[in-house]
Amino acid sequence: MGIMKQADVFLHDKLAGRLTEDESGFTFEYDEDYLQSDASEAVSLTLPISGKPYKSMVLFPFFDGLIPEGWLLNIAERNWKIDSRDRMSLLLACCKDCIGAVSIVPTSTEKGNE
């Protein structure tokens, strides 16, 4: 089984959904409780509210757009030793405190890896 990376996606500090990367690509799925909420809104125009998971071979452009560019990306690559092609790792490292309404927090499912 391949390595899986997972992140919780928050919108206005509410858990909106989960982004997963595995050997088959990327999946974004809205959280069940979030879908039931009257206040739920899409995290992006390109990912409208849906009960069905979104799948993509590449990181969804909305999430990719949250990753810093230029000198800030260079710092992230140097400090965390992350390859610039590893978009999911960059997203997890850099986007916990994004500017704007969305934040990406690594899902803490791995126990004892630290």
PDB file of N, CA and C in Angstrom:
ATOM      1  N   MET A   1       0.847  -1.198   0.000  1.00  0.00           N
ATOM      2  CA  MET A   1       0.000   0.000   0.000  1.00  0.00           C
ATOM      3  C   MET A   1       0.882   1.247   0.000  1.00  0.00           C
ATOM      4  N   GLY A   2       0.497   2.250  -0.776  1.00  0.00           N
ATOM      5  CA  GLY A   2       1.285   3.471  -0.883  1.00  0.00           C
ATOM      6  C   GLY A   2       1.111   4.371   0.325  1.00  0.00           C
ATOM      7  N   ILE A   3       1.907   5.404   0.341  1.00  0.00           N
ATOM      8  CA  ILE A   3       1.822   6.382   1.418  1.00  0.00           C
ATOM      9  C   ILE A   3       0.596   7.253   1.183  1.00  0.00           C
ATOM     10  N   MET A   4      -0.170   7.474   2.238  1.00  0.00           N
ATOM     11  CA  MET A   4      -1.349   8.324   2.120  1.00  0.00           C
ATOM     12  C   MET A   4      -1.133   9.558   2.985  1.00  0.00           C
ATOM     13  N   LYS A   5      -1.457  10.713   2.414  1.00  0.00           N
ATOM     14  CA  LYS A   5      -1.402  11.957   3.189  1.00  0.00           C
ATOM     15  C   LYS A   5      -2.824  12.481   3.271  1.00  0.00           C
ATOM     16  N   GLN A   6      -3.163  13.025   4.437  1.00  0.00           N
ATOM     17  CA  GLN A   6      -4.527  13.492   4.636  1.00  0.00           C
ATOM     18  C   GLN A   6      -4.533  14.812   5.382  1.00  0.00           C
ATOM     19  N   ALA A   7      -5.460  15.676   5.007  1.00  0.00           N
ATOM     20  CA  ALA A   7      -5.581  16.973   5.674  1.00  0.00           C
ATOM     21  C   ALA A   7      -7.048  17.296   5.914  1.00  0.00           C
ATOM     22  N   ASP A   8      -7.299  17.902   7.065  1.00  0.00           N
ATOM     23  CA  ASP A   8      -8.628  18.439   7.341  1.00  0.00           C
ATOM     24  C   ASP A   8      -8.668  19.846   6.761  1.00  0.00           C
ATOM     25  N   VAL A   9      -9.754  20.154   6.059  1.00  0.00           N
ATOM     26  CA  VAL A   9      -9.916  21.468   5.437  1.00  0.00           C
ATOM     27  C   VAL A   9     -10.953  22.244   6.247  1.00  0.00           C
ATOM     28  N   PHE A  10     -10.515  23.366   6.800  1.00  0.00           N
ATOM     29  CA  PHE A  10     -11.410  24.200   7.603  1.00  0.00           C
ATOM     30  C   PHE A  10     -11.803  25.444   6.822  1.00  0.00           C
ATOM     31  N   LEU A  11     -13.057  25.838   6.941  1.00  0.00           N
ATOM     32  CA  LEU A  11     -13.542  27.084   6.350  1.00  0.00           C
ATOM     33  C   LEU A  11     -14.147  27.894   7.486  1.00  0.00           C
ATOM     34  N   HIS A  12     -13.637  29.089   7.707  1.00  0.00           N
ATOM     35  CA  HIS A  12     -14.073  29.912   8.847  1.00  0.00           C
ATOM     36  C   HIS A  12     -14.028  29.105  10.148  1.00  0.00           C
ATOM     37  N   ASP A  13     -12.935  28.364  10.362  1.00  0.00           N
ATOM     38  CA  ASP A  13     -12.708  27.576  11.583  1.00  0.00           C
ATOM     39  C   ASP A  13     -13.697  26.429  11.800  1.00  0.00           C
ATOM     40  N   LYS A  14     -14.445  26.066  10.769  1.00  0.00           N
ATOM     41  CA  LYS A  14     -15.318  24.886  10.863  1.00  0.00           C
ATOM     42  C   LYS A  14     -14.749  23.814   9.936  1.00  0.00           C
ATOM     43  N   LEU A  15     -14.752  22.563  10.398  1.00  0.00           N
ATOM     44  CA  LEU A  15     -14.289  21.465   9.558  1.00  0.00           C
ATOM     45  C   LEU A  15     -15.228  21.326   8.361  1.00  0.00           C
ATOM     46  N   ALA A  16     -14.700  21.597   7.165  1.00  0.00           N
ATOM     47  CA  ALA A  16     -15.532  21.539   5.957  1.00  0.00           C
ATOM     48  C   ALA A  16     -15.383  20.206   5.238  1.00  0.00           C
ATOM     49  N   GLY A  17     -14.184  19.653   5.273  1.00  0.00           N
ATOM     50  CA  GLY A  17     -13.990  18.402   4.554  1.00  0.00           C
ATOM     51  C   GLY A  17     -12.591  17.866   4.745  1.00  0.00           C
ATOM     52  N   ARG A  18     -12.256  16.859   3.928  1.00  0.00           N
ATOM     53  CA  ARG A  18     -10.960  16.196   4.055  1.00  0.00           C
ATOM     54  C   ARG A  18     -10.347  16.028   2.668  1.00  0.00           C
ATOM     55  N   LEU A  19      -9.079  16.350   2.595  1.00  0.00           N
ATOM     56  CA  LEU A  19      -8.318  16.196   1.365  1.00  0.00           C
ATOM     57  C   LEU A  19      -7.344  15.044   1.566  1.00  0.00           C
ATOM     58  N   THR A  20      -7.324  14.105   0.634  1.00  0.00           N
ATOM     59  CA  THR A  20      -6.482  12.920   0.738  1.00  0.00           C
ATOM     60  C   THR A  20      -5.649  12.761  -0.523  1.00  0.00           C
ATOM     61  N   GLU A  21      -4.386  12.368  -0.341  1.00  0.00           N
ATOM     62  CA  GLU A  21      -3.556  11.978  -1.470  1.00  0.00           C
ATOM     63  C   GLU A  21      -3.121  10.541  -1.254  1.00  0.00           C
ATOM     64  N   ASP A  22      -3.346   9.689  -2.260  1.00  0.00           N
ATOM     65  CA  ASP A  22      -2.838   8.320  -2.214  1.00  0.00           C
ATOM     66  C   ASP A  22      -2.317   7.955  -3.597  1.00  0.00           C
ATOM     67  N   GLU A  23      -2.043   6.677  -3.817  1.00  0.00           N
ATOM     68  CA  GLU A  23      -1.417   6.292  -5.094  1.00  0.00           C
ATOM     69  C   GLU A  23      -2.309   6.562  -6.304  1.00  0.00           C
ATOM     70  N   SER A  24      -3.609   6.714  -6.104  1.00  0.00           N
ATOM     71  CA  SER A  24      -4.502   6.957  -7.240  1.00  0.00           C
ATOM     72  C   SER A  24      -4.757   8.444  -7.493  1.00  0.00           C
ATOM     73  N   GLY A  25      -4.156   9.317  -6.675  1.00  0.00           N
ATOM     74  CA  GLY A  25      -4.339  10.749  -6.895  1.00  0.00           C
ATOM     75  C   GLY A  25      -4.912  11.430  -5.659  1.00  0.00           C
ATOM     76  N   PHE A  26      -5.748  12.431  -5.899  1.00  0.00           N
ATOM     77  CA  PHE A  26      -6.283  13.262  -4.827  1.00  0.00           C
ATOM     78  C   PHE A  26      -7.797  13.111  -4.726  1.00  0.00           C
ATOM     79  N   THR A  27      -8.289  13.190  -3.497  1.00  0.00           N
ATOM     80  CA  THR A  27      -9.731  13.150  -3.250  1.00  0.00           C
ATOM     81  C   THR A  27     -10.068  14.259  -2.263  1.00  0.00           C
ATOM     82  N   PHE A  28     -11.113  15.029  -2.583  1.00  0.00           N
ATOM     83  CA  PHE A  28     -11.644  15.978  -1.607  1.00  0.00           C
ATOM     84  C   PHE A  28     -13.082  15.590  -1.337  1.00  0.00           C
ATOM     85  N   GLU A  29     -13.419  15.496  -0.055  1.00  0.00           N
ATOM     86  CA  GLU A  29     -14.765  15.099   0.332  1.00  0.00           C
ATOM     87  C   GLU A  29     -15.258  16.014   1.441  1.00  0.00           C
ATOM     88  N   TYR A  30     -16.465  16.536   1.265  1.00  0.00           N
ATOM     89  CA  TYR A  30     -17.051  17.373   2.315  1.00  0.00           C
ATOM     90  C   TYR A  30     -17.419  16.518   3.516  1.00  0.00           C
ATOM     91  N   ASP A  31     -17.250  17.083   4.713  1.00  0.00           N
ATOM     92  CA  ASP A  31     -17.595  16.417   5.960  1.00  0.00           C
ATOM     93  C   ASP A  31     -19.114  16.273   6.068  1.00  0.00           C
ATOM     94  N   GLU A  32     -19.563  15.113   6.550  1.00  0.00           N
ATOM     95  CA  GLU A  32     -21.002  14.824   6.658  1.00  0.00           C
ATOM     96  C   GLU A  32     -21.734  15.862   7.509  1.00  0.00           C
ATOM     97  N   ASP A  33     -21.178  16.201   8.679  1.00  0.00           N
ATOM     98  CA  ASP A  33     -21.808  17.191   9.561  1.00  0.00           C
ATOM     99  C   ASP A  33     -21.855  18.560   8.886  1.00  0.00           C
ATOM    100  N   TYR A  34     -20.796  18.879   8.153  1.00  0.00           N
ATOM    101  CA  TYR A  34     -20.735  20.167   7.457  1.00  0.00           C
ATOM    102  C   TYR A  34     -21.835  20.248   6.401  1.00  0.00           C
ATOM    103  N   LEU A  35     -22.057  19.151   5.684  1.00  0.00           N
ATOM    104  CA  LEU A  35     -23.112  19.115   4.658  1.00  0.00           C
ATOM    105  C   LEU A  35     -24.493  19.334   5.273  1.00  0.00           C
ATOM    106  N   GLN A  36     -24.690  18.847   6.501  1.00  0.00           N
ATOM    107  CA  GLN A  36     -25.997  18.978   7.176  1.00  0.00           C
ATOM    108  C   GLN A  36     -26.238  20.391   7.708  1.00  0.00           C
ATOM    109  N   SER A  37     -25.156  21.147   7.868  1.00  0.00           N
ATOM    110  CA  SER A  37     -25.264  22.465   8.480  1.00  0.00           C
ATOM    111  C   SER A  37     -25.919  23.475   7.530  1.00  0.00           C
ATOM    112  N   ASP A  38     -26.755  24.342   8.119  1.00  0.00           N
ATOM    113  CA  ASP A  38     -27.391  25.397   7.311  1.00  0.00           C
ATOM    114  C   ASP A  38     -26.367  26.414   6.831  1.00  0.00           C
ATOM    115  N   ALA A  39     -25.291  26.552   7.578  1.00  0.00           N
ATOM    116  CA  ALA A  39     -24.295  27.575   7.275  1.00  0.00           C
ATOM    117  C   ALA A  39     -23.203  27.081   6.327  1.00  0.00           C
ATOM    118  N   SER A  40     -23.338  25.857   5.841  1.00  0.00           N
ATOM    119  CA  SER A  40     -22.260  25.321   4.997  1.00  0.00           C
ATOM    120  C   SER A  40     -22.178  26.075   3.676  1.00  0.00           C
ATOM    121  N   GLU A  41     -20.932  26.334   3.259  1.00  0.00           N
ATOM    122  CA  GLU A  41     -20.695  26.948   1.970  1.00  0.00           C
ATOM    123  C   GLU A  41     -19.517  26.242   1.311  1.00  0.00           C
ATOM    124  N   ALA A  42     -19.443  26.341   0.002  1.00  0.00           N
ATOM    125  CA  ALA A  42     -18.374  25.676  -0.736  1.00  0.00           C
ATOM    126  C   ALA A  42     -17.026  26.288  -0.368  1.00  0.00           C
ATOM    127  N   VAL A  43     -15.978  25.459  -0.261  1.00  0.00           N
ATOM    128  CA  VAL A  43     -14.651  25.998   0.021  1.00  0.00           C
ATOM    129  C   VAL A  43     -14.119  26.741  -1.201  1.00  0.00           C
ATOM    130  N   SER A  44     -14.657  26.416  -2.362  1.00  0.00           N
ATOM    131  CA  SER A  44     -14.213  27.033  -3.610  1.00  0.00           C
ATOM    132  C   SER A  44     -15.329  26.906  -4.640  1.00  0.00           C
ATOM    133  N   LEU A  45     -15.374  27.837  -5.589  1.00  0.00           N
ATOM    134  CA  LEU A  45     -16.360  27.749  -6.678  1.00  0.00           C
ATOM    135  C   LEU A  45     -16.143  26.488  -7.504  1.00  0.00           C
ATOM    136  N   THR A  46     -14.888  26.012  -7.540  1.00  0.00           N
ATOM    137  CA  THR A  46     -14.572  24.823  -8.334  1.00  0.00           C
ATOM    138  C   THR A  46     -14.883  23.527  -7.587  1.00  0.00           C
ATOM    139  N   LEU A  47     -15.257  23.643  -6.293  1.00  0.00           N
ATOM    140  CA  LEU A  47     -15.623  22.471  -5.482  1.00  0.00           C
ATOM    141  C   LEU A  47     -16.959  22.726  -4.805  1.00  0.00           C
ATOM    142  N   PRO A  48     -18.048  22.798  -5.605  1.00  0.00           N
ATOM    143  CA  PRO A  48     -19.349  23.090  -5.004  1.00  0.00           C
ATOM    144  C   PRO A  48     -19.752  22.027  -3.975  1.00  0.00           C
ATOM    145  N   ILE A  49     -20.595  22.434  -3.021  1.00  0.00           N
ATOM    146  CA  ILE A  49     -21.080  21.525  -1.976  1.00  0.00           C
ATOM    147  C   ILE A  49     -21.678  20.284  -2.637  1.00  0.00           C
ATOM    148  N   SER A  50     -21.213  19.120  -2.213  1.00  0.00           N
ATOM    149  CA  SER A  50     -21.707  17.872  -2.780  1.00  0.00           C
ATOM    150  C   SER A  50     -21.460  16.742  -1.798  1.00  0.00           C
ATOM    151  N   GLY A  51     -22.331  15.759  -1.807  1.00  0.00           N
ATOM    152  CA  GLY A  51     -22.139  14.582  -0.978  1.00  0.00           C
ATOM    153  C   GLY A  51     -21.192  13.585  -1.622  1.00  0.00           C
ATOM    154  N   LYS A  52     -20.852  13.811  -2.896  1.00  0.00           N
ATOM    155  CA  LYS A  52     -19.950  12.900  -3.608  1.00  0.00           C
ATOM    156  C   LYS A  52     -18.518  13.410  -3.520  1.00  0.00           C
ATOM    157  N   PRO A  53     -17.554  12.495  -3.400  1.00  0.00           N
ATOM    158  CA  PRO A  53     -16.155  12.930  -3.361  1.00  0.00           C
ATOM    159  C   PRO A  53     -15.687  13.444  -4.721  1.00  0.00           C
ATOM    160  N   TYR A  54     -14.802  14.416  -4.688  1.00  0.00           N
ATOM    161  CA  TYR A  54     -14.143  14.913  -5.891  1.00  0.00           C
ATOM    162  C   TYR A  54     -12.825  14.171  -6.035  1.00  0.00           C
ATOM    163  N   LYS A  55     -12.501  13.735  -7.253  1.00  0.00           N
ATOM    164  CA  LYS A  55     -11.246  13.018  -7.477  1.00  0.00           C
ATOM    165  C   LYS A  55     -10.459  13.698  -8.581  1.00  0.00           C
ATOM    166  N   SER A  56      -9.137  13.679  -8.446  1.00  0.00           N
ATOM    167  CA  SER A  56      -8.273  14.303  -9.441  1.00  0.00           C
ATOM    168  C   SER A  56      -6.910  13.628  -9.425  1.00  0.00           C
ATOM    169  N   MET A  57      -6.258  13.572 -10.577  1.00  0.00           N
ATOM    170  CA  MET A  57      -4.910  13.004 -10.653  1.00  0.00           C
ATOM    171  C   MET A  57      -3.876  14.001 -10.121  1.00  0.00           C
ATOM    172  N   VAL A  58      -4.207  15.294 -10.174  1.00  0.00           N
ATOM    173  CA  VAL A  58      -3.298  16.334  -9.677  1.00  0.00           C
ATOM    174  C   VAL A  58      -3.999  17.080  -8.546  1.00  0.00           C
ATOM    175  N   LEU A  59      -3.209  17.761  -7.721  1.00  0.00           N
ATOM    176  CA  LEU A  59      -3.799  18.534  -6.629  1.00  0.00           C
ATOM    177  C   LEU A  59      -4.786  19.545  -7.216  1.00  0.00           C
ATOM    178  N   PHE A  60      -5.983  19.619  -6.655  1.00  0.00           N
ATOM    179  CA  PHE A  60      -7.022  20.527  -7.143  1.00  0.00           C
ATOM    180  C   PHE A  60      -6.451  21.943  -7.231  1.00  0.00           C
ATOM    181  N   PRO A  61      -6.703  22.653  -8.341  1.00  0.00           N
ATOM    182  CA  PRO A  61      -6.124  23.995  -8.519  1.00  0.00           C
ATOM    183  C   PRO A  61      -6.394  24.942  -7.356  1.00  0.00           C
ATOM    184  N   PHE A  62      -7.565  24.833  -6.734  1.00  0.00           N
ATOM    185  CA  PHE A  62      -7.869  25.706  -5.596  1.00  0.00           C
ATOM    186  C   PHE A  62      -6.845  25.504  -4.478  1.00  0.00           C
ATOM    187  N   PHE A  63      -6.576  24.248  -4.123  1.00  0.00           N
ATOM    188  CA  PHE A  63      -5.633  23.958  -3.038  1.00  0.00           C
ATOM    189  C   PHE A  63      -4.205  24.292  -3.461  1.00  0.00           C
ATOM    190  N   ASP A  64      -3.874  23.980  -4.716  1.00  0.00           N
ATOM    191  CA  ASP A  64      -2.537  24.286  -5.215  1.00  0.00           C
ATOM    192  C   ASP A  64      -2.265  25.789  -5.143  1.00  0.00           C
ATOM    193  N   GLY A  65      -3.316  26.573  -5.369  1.00  0.00           N
ATOM    194  CA  GLY A  65      -3.192  28.035  -5.329  1.00  0.00           C
ATOM    195  C   GLY A  65      -2.920  28.588  -3.936  1.00  0.00           C
ATOM    196  N   LEU A  66      -3.138  27.779  -2.895  1.00  0.00           N
ATOM    197  CA  LEU A  66      -2.873  28.226  -1.524  1.00  0.00           C
ATOM    198  C   LEU A  66      -1.387  28.138  -1.175  1.00  0.00           C
ATOM    199  N   ILE A  67      -0.649  27.342  -1.955  1.00  0.00           N
ATOM    200  CA  ILE A  67       0.776  27.132  -1.679  1.00  0.00           C
ATOM    201  C   ILE A  67       1.544  28.395  -2.062  1.00  0.00           C
ATOM    202  N   PRO A  68       2.444  28.854  -1.187  1.00  0.00           N
ATOM    203  CA  PRO A  68       3.197  30.075  -1.503  1.00  0.00           C
ATOM    204  C   PRO A  68       4.106  29.885  -2.710  1.00  0.00           C
ATOM    205  N   GLU A  69       4.500  30.993  -3.303  1.00  0.00           N
ATOM    206  CA  GLU A  69       5.391  30.960  -4.465  1.00  0.00           C
ATOM    207  C   GLU A  69       6.624  31.792  -4.171  1.00  0.00           C
ATOM    208  N   GLY A  70       7.584  31.720  -5.069  1.00  0.00           N
ATOM    209  CA  GLY A  70       8.754  32.583  -4.990  1.00  0.00           C
ATOM    210  C   GLY A  70       9.602  32.317  -3.762  1.00  0.00           C
ATOM    211  N   TRP A  71      10.054  33.411  -3.136  1.00  0.00           N
ATOM    212  CA  TRP A  71      10.984  33.299  -2.002  1.00  0.00           C
ATOM    213  C   TRP A  71      10.385  32.518  -0.839  1.00  0.00           C
ATOM    214  N   LEU A  72       9.062  32.655  -0.622  1.00  0.00           N
ATOM    215  CA  LEU A  72       8.424  31.956   0.487  1.00  0.00           C
ATOM    216  C   LEU A  72       8.432  30.442   0.239  1.00  0.00           C
ATOM    217  N   LEU A  73       8.208  30.060  -1.005  1.00  0.00           N
ATOM    218  CA  LEU A  73       8.275  28.648  -1.375  1.00  0.00           C
ATOM    219  C   LEU A  73       9.702  28.130  -1.190  1.00  0.00           C
ATOM    220  N   ASN A  74      10.698  28.926  -1.563  1.00  0.00           N
ATOM    221  CA  ASN A  74      12.098  28.532  -1.392  1.00  0.00           C
ATOM    222  C   ASN A  74      12.418  28.273   0.073  1.00  0.00           C
ATOM    223  N   ILE A  75      11.913  29.125   0.958  1.00  0.00           N
ATOM    224  CA  ILE A  75      12.128  28.953   2.396  1.00  0.00           C
ATOM    225  C   ILE A  75      11.493  27.641   2.864  1.00  0.00           C
ATOM    226  N   ALA A  76      10.280  27.387   2.417  1.00  0.00           N
ATOM    227  CA  ALA A  76       9.581  26.155   2.798  1.00  0.00           C
ATOM    228  C   ALA A  76      10.365  24.930   2.321  1.00  0.00           C
ATOM    229  N   GLU A  77      10.833  24.987   1.076  1.00  0.00           N
ATOM    230  CA  GLU A  77      11.586  23.856   0.524  1.00  0.00           C
ATOM    231  C   GLU A  77      12.876  23.625   1.314  1.00  0.00           C
ATOM    232  N   ARG A  78      13.559  24.721   1.650  1.00  0.00           N
ATOM    233  CA  ARG A  78      14.829  24.611   2.383  1.00  0.00           C
ATOM    234  C   ARG A  78      14.621  24.166   3.826  1.00  0.00           C
ATOM    235  N   ASN A  79      13.716  24.845   4.530  1.00  0.00           N
ATOM    236  CA  ASN A  79      13.523  24.584   5.961  1.00  0.00           C
ATOM    237  C   ASN A  79      12.912  23.224   6.249  1.00  0.00           C
ATOM    238  N   TRP A  80      11.974  22.807   5.412  1.00  0.00           N
ATOM    239  CA  TRP A  80      11.292  21.542   5.666  1.00  0.00           C
ATOM    240  C   TRP A  80      11.746  20.430   4.737  1.00  0.00           C
ATOM    241  N   LYS A  81      12.733  20.742   3.872  1.00  0.00           N
ATOM    242  CA  LYS A  81      13.273  19.746   2.937  1.00  0.00           C
ATOM    243  C   LYS A  81      12.158  19.085   2.126  1.00  0.00           C
ATOM    244  N   ILE A  82      11.292  19.915   1.565  1.00  0.00           N
ATOM    245  CA  ILE A  82      10.160  19.405   0.780  1.00  0.00           C
ATOM    246  C   ILE A  82      10.433  19.677  -0.693  1.00  0.00           C
ATOM    247  N   ASP A  83      10.250  18.682  -1.526  1.00  0.00           N
ATOM    248  CA  ASP A  83      10.405  18.822  -2.969  1.00  0.00           C
ATOM    249  C   ASP A  83       9.255  19.684  -3.505  1.00  0.00           C
ATOM    250  N   SER A  84       9.579  20.633  -4.378  1.00  0.00           N
ATOM    251  CA  SER A  84       8.534  21.540  -4.898  1.00  0.00           C
ATOM    252  C   SER A  84       7.462  20.787  -5.697  1.00  0.00           C
ATOM    253  N   ARG A  85       7.766  19.566  -6.143  1.00  0.00           N
ATOM    254  CA  ARG A  85       6.755  18.774  -6.873  1.00  0.00           C
ATOM    255  C   ARG A  85       5.807  18.059  -5.917  1.00  0.00           C
ATOM    256  N   ASP A  86       6.186  17.977  -4.634  1.00  0.00           N
ATOM    257  CA  ASP A  86       5.336  17.314  -3.645  1.00  0.00           C
ATOM    258  C   ASP A  86       4.337  18.335  -3.103  1.00  0.00           C
ATOM    259  N   ARG A  87       3.310  18.586  -3.903  1.00  0.00           N
ATOM    260  CA  ARG A  87       2.378  19.682  -3.617  1.00  0.00           C
ATOM    261  C   ARG A  87       1.603  19.451  -2.319  1.00  0.00           C
ATOM    262  N   MET A  88       1.248  18.208  -2.043  1.00  0.00           N
ATOM    263  CA  MET A  88       0.467  17.921  -0.836  1.00  0.00           C
ATOM    264  C   MET A  88       1.304  18.214   0.413  1.00  0.00           C
ATOM    265  N   SER A  89       2.583  17.814   0.416  1.00  0.00           N
ATOM    266  CA  SER A  89       3.435  18.092   1.581  1.00  0.00           C
ATOM    267  C   SER A  89       3.616  19.594   1.777  1.00  0.00           C
ATOM    268  N   LEU A  90       3.769  20.324   0.674  1.00  0.00           N
ATOM    269  CA  LEU A  90       3.892  21.788   0.764  1.00  0.00           C
ATOM    270  C   LEU A  90       2.611  22.392   1.333  1.00  0.00           C
ATOM    271  N   LEU A  91       1.488  21.898   0.857  1.00  0.00           N
ATOM    272  CA  LEU A  91       0.192  22.381   1.348  1.00  0.00           C
ATOM    273  C   LEU A  91       0.078  22.137   2.858  1.00  0.00           C
ATOM    274  N   LEU A  92       0.446  20.942   3.295  1.00  0.00           N
ATOM    275  CA  LEU A  92       0.363  20.600   4.721  1.00  0.00           C
ATOM    276  C   LEU A  92       1.312  21.449   5.553  1.00  0.00           C
ATOM    277  N   ALA A  93       2.493  21.735   5.011  1.00  0.00           N
ATOM    278  CA  ALA A  93       3.503  22.486   5.770  1.00  0.00           C
ATOM    279  C   ALA A  93       3.195  23.976   5.824  1.00  0.00           C
ATOM    280  N   CYS A  94       2.634  24.520   4.759  1.00  0.00           N
ATOM    281  CA  CYS A  94       2.538  25.977   4.616  1.00  0.00           C
ATOM    282  C   CYS A  94       1.158  26.565   4.865  1.00  0.00           C
ATOM    283  N   CYS A  95       0.111  25.772   4.878  1.00  0.00           N
ATOM    284  CA  CYS A  95      -1.233  26.360   4.782  1.00  0.00           C
ATOM    285  C   CYS A  95      -2.108  26.164   6.011  1.00  0.00           C
ATOM    286  N   LYS A  96      -1.454  25.932   7.155  1.00  0.00           N
ATOM    287  CA  LYS A  96      -2.230  25.819   8.396  1.00  0.00           C
ATOM    288  C   LYS A  96      -2.835  27.170   8.762  1.00  0.00           C
ATOM    289  N   ASP A  97      -2.072  28.232   8.518  1.00  0.00           N
ATOM    290  CA  ASP A  97      -2.543  29.589   8.802  1.00  0.00           C
ATOM    291  C   ASP A  97      -2.591  30.396   7.516  1.00  0.00           C
ATOM    292  N   CYS A  98      -3.386  29.925   6.576  1.00  0.00           N
ATOM    293  CA  CYS A  98      -3.508  30.621   5.293  1.00  0.00           C
ATOM    294  C   CYS A  98      -4.132  31.989   5.484  1.00  0.00           C
ATOM    295  N   ILE A  99      -3.829  32.867   4.554  1.00  0.00           N
ATOM    296  CA  ILE A  99      -4.539  34.139   4.494  1.00  0.00           C
ATOM    297  C   ILE A  99      -5.904  33.811   3.899  1.00  0.00           C
ATOM    298  N   GLY A 100      -6.964  34.299   4.499  1.00  0.00           N
ATOM    299  CA  GLY A 100      -8.290  34.010   3.983  1.00  0.00           C
ATOM    300  C   GLY A 100      -9.041  33.044   4.882  1.00  0.00           C
ATOM    301  N   ALA A 101     -10.145  32.521   4.368  1.00  0.00           N
ATOM    302  CA  ALA A 101     -11.075  31.759   5.189  1.00  0.00           C
ATOM    303  C   ALA A 101     -10.696  30.292   5.350  1.00  0.00           C
ATOM    304  N   VAL A 102      -9.853  29.771   4.449  1.00  0.00           N
ATOM    305  CA  VAL A 102      -9.561  28.344   4.439  1.00  0.00           C
ATOM    306  C   VAL A 102      -8.255  28.049   5.158  1.00  0.00           C
ATOM    307  N   SER A 103      -8.238  27.010   5.979  1.00  0.00           N
ATOM    308  CA  SER A 103      -6.973  26.530   6.536  1.00  0.00           C
ATOM    309  C   SER A 103      -6.897  25.018   6.375  1.00  0.00           C
ATOM    310  N   ILE A 104      -5.671  24.545   6.206  1.00  0.00           N
ATOM    311  CA  ILE A 104      -5.402  23.136   5.940  1.00  0.00           C
ATOM    312  C   ILE A 104      -4.611  22.597   7.126  1.00  0.00           C
ATOM    313  N   VAL A 105      -5.148  21.592   7.805  1.00  0.00           N
ATOM    314  CA  VAL A 105      -4.489  21.050   8.987  1.00  0.00           C
ATOM    315  C   VAL A 105      -4.246  19.557   8.763  1.00  0.00           C
ATOM    316  N   PRO A 106      -2.999  19.106   8.911  1.00  0.00           N
ATOM    317  CA  PRO A 106      -2.740  17.671   8.735  1.00  0.00           C
ATOM    318  C   PRO A 106      -3.633  16.845   9.659  1.00  0.00           C
ATOM    319  N   THR A 107      -4.249  15.819   9.114  1.00  0.00           N
ATOM    320  CA  THR A 107      -5.103  14.928   9.902  1.00  0.00           C
ATOM    321  C   THR A 107      -4.200  14.087  10.791  1.00  0.00           C
ATOM    322  N   SER A 108      -4.481  14.065  12.075  1.00  0.00           N
ATOM    323  CA  SER A 108      -3.619  13.330  13.000  1.00  0.00           C
ATOM    324  C   SER A 108      -4.117  11.911  13.167  1.00  0.00           C
ATOM    325  N   THR A 109      -3.850  11.086  12.150  1.00  0.00           N
ATOM    326  CA  THR A 109      -4.240   9.681  12.227  1.00  0.00           C
ATOM    327  C   THR A 109      -3.034   8.815  12.526  1.00  0.00           C
ATOM    328  N   GLU A 110      -1.832   9.280  12.137  1.00  0.00           N
ATOM    329  CA  GLU A 110      -0.627   8.491  12.395  1.00  0.00           C
ATOM    330  C   GLU A 110      -0.266   8.643  13.871  1.00  0.00           C
ATOM    331  N   LYS A 111      -0.149   7.537  14.547  1.00  0.00           N
ATOM    332  CA  LYS A 111       0.210   7.576  15.961  1.00  0.00           C
ATOM    333  C   LYS A 111       1.658   7.121  16.123  1.00  0.00           C
ATOM    334  N   GLY A 112       2.386   7.826  16.948  1.00  0.00           N
ATOM    335  CA  GLY A 112       3.739   7.420  17.290  1.00  0.00           C
ATOM    336  C   GLY A 112       4.770   7.630  16.216  1.00  0.00           C
ATOM    337  N   ASN A 113       4.489   8.451  15.216  1.00  0.00           N
ATOM    338  CA  ASN A 113       5.466   8.708  14.158  1.00  0.00           C
ATOM    339  C   ASN A 113       6.383   9.861  14.489  1.00  0.00           C
ATOM    340  N   GLU A 114       6.067  10.620  15.510  1.00  0.00           N
ATOM    341  CA  GLU A 114       6.857  11.810  15.822  1.00  0.00           C
ATOM    342  C   GLU A 114       8.084  11.444  16.621  1.00  0.00           C
TER     343      GLU A 114
END
